[in-house]
Amino acid sequence: MSKRWTYQVVEIKPSFSGRVNAEAIQAELTRQGASGWELVQVLHSGHSLQPAKLIFKKEL
């Protein structure tokens, strides 16, 4: 039987300066990891006003 996964996308919004805060990303990674989620991908368009999207997976 193959593994089955559930996925979650978390957006990290930029600060007022337009930058995505590294501390906010670290805190979210720690929070999700403690809940059993594994980071799969980070998406960011490169535009300063767009949020970074962290994509996680967890085995069902």
Protein backbone atom coordinates (compact mmCIF):
# COMPACT_ATOMS: atom_id res chain seq x y z
CA MET A 1 0.00 0.00 0.00
CA SER A 2 1.38 3.40 -0.96
CA LYS A 3 1.70 6.27 1.46
CA ARG A 4 -1.05 8.87 1.61
CA TRP A 5 -0.35 12.51 2.35
CA THR A 6 -2.22 15.59 3.43
CA TYR A 7 -0.90 19.03 2.48
CA GLN A 8 -1.01 22.47 4.01
CA VAL A 9 -0.08 25.89 2.61
CA VAL A 10 0.90 28.68 5.00
CA GLU A 11 1.39 32.26 3.80
CA ILE A 12 3.97 34.48 5.47
CA LYS A 13 3.03 38.06 4.75
CA PRO A 14 5.75 40.70 4.28
CA SER A 15 6.33 43.39 6.88
CA PHE A 16 5.59 47.06 6.28
CA SER A 17 9.05 47.38 4.72
CA GLY A 18 7.98 44.90 2.04
CA ARG A 19 10.37 42.16 3.16
CA VAL A 20 9.45 38.71 4.38
CA ASN A 21 10.83 38.44 7.91
CA ALA A 22 13.24 35.51 8.38
CA GLU A 23 12.25 35.24 12.05
CA ALA A 24 8.58 34.83 11.06
CA ILE A 25 9.51 32.04 8.67
CA GLN A 26 11.65 30.33 11.31
CA ALA A 27 8.85 30.53 13.87
CA GLU A 28 6.35 29.02 11.42
CA LEU A 29 8.76 26.22 10.43
CA THR A 30 9.29 25.37 14.10
CA ARG A 31 5.54 25.46 14.84
CA GLN A 32 4.63 23.24 11.90
CA GLY A 33 7.51 20.84 12.52
CA ALA A 34 6.41 20.37 16.13
CA SER A 35 2.99 19.35 14.77
CA GLY A 36 4.51 16.73 12.47
CA TRP A 37 4.46 18.71 9.21
CA GLU A 38 7.42 18.46 6.81
CA LEU A 39 8.37 21.40 4.59
CA VAL A 40 8.17 20.45 0.90
CA GLN A 41 8.45 23.73 -1.00
CA VAL A 42 8.76 27.49 -0.57
CA LEU A 43 7.16 29.70 -3.20
CA HIS A 44 7.86 33.39 -3.52
CA SER A 45 7.34 35.50 -6.62
CA GLY A 46 10.20 37.85 -5.82
CA HIS A 47 7.83 40.81 -5.63
CA SER A 48 8.29 42.53 -2.30
CA LEU A 49 4.58 42.89 -1.52
CA GLN A 50 3.70 39.24 -2.16
CA PRO A 51 3.64 36.71 0.69
CA ALA A 52 5.93 33.70 0.79
CA LYS A 53 4.04 30.40 0.67
CA LEU A 54 5.35 27.48 2.68
CA ILE A 55 4.02 24.10 1.53
CA PHE A 56 4.03 21.26 4.06
CA LYS A 57 3.04 17.61 3.94
CA LYS A 58 2.15 15.07 6.60
CA GLU A 59 1.49 11.36 6.22
CA LEU A 60 -2.11 10.32 6.92
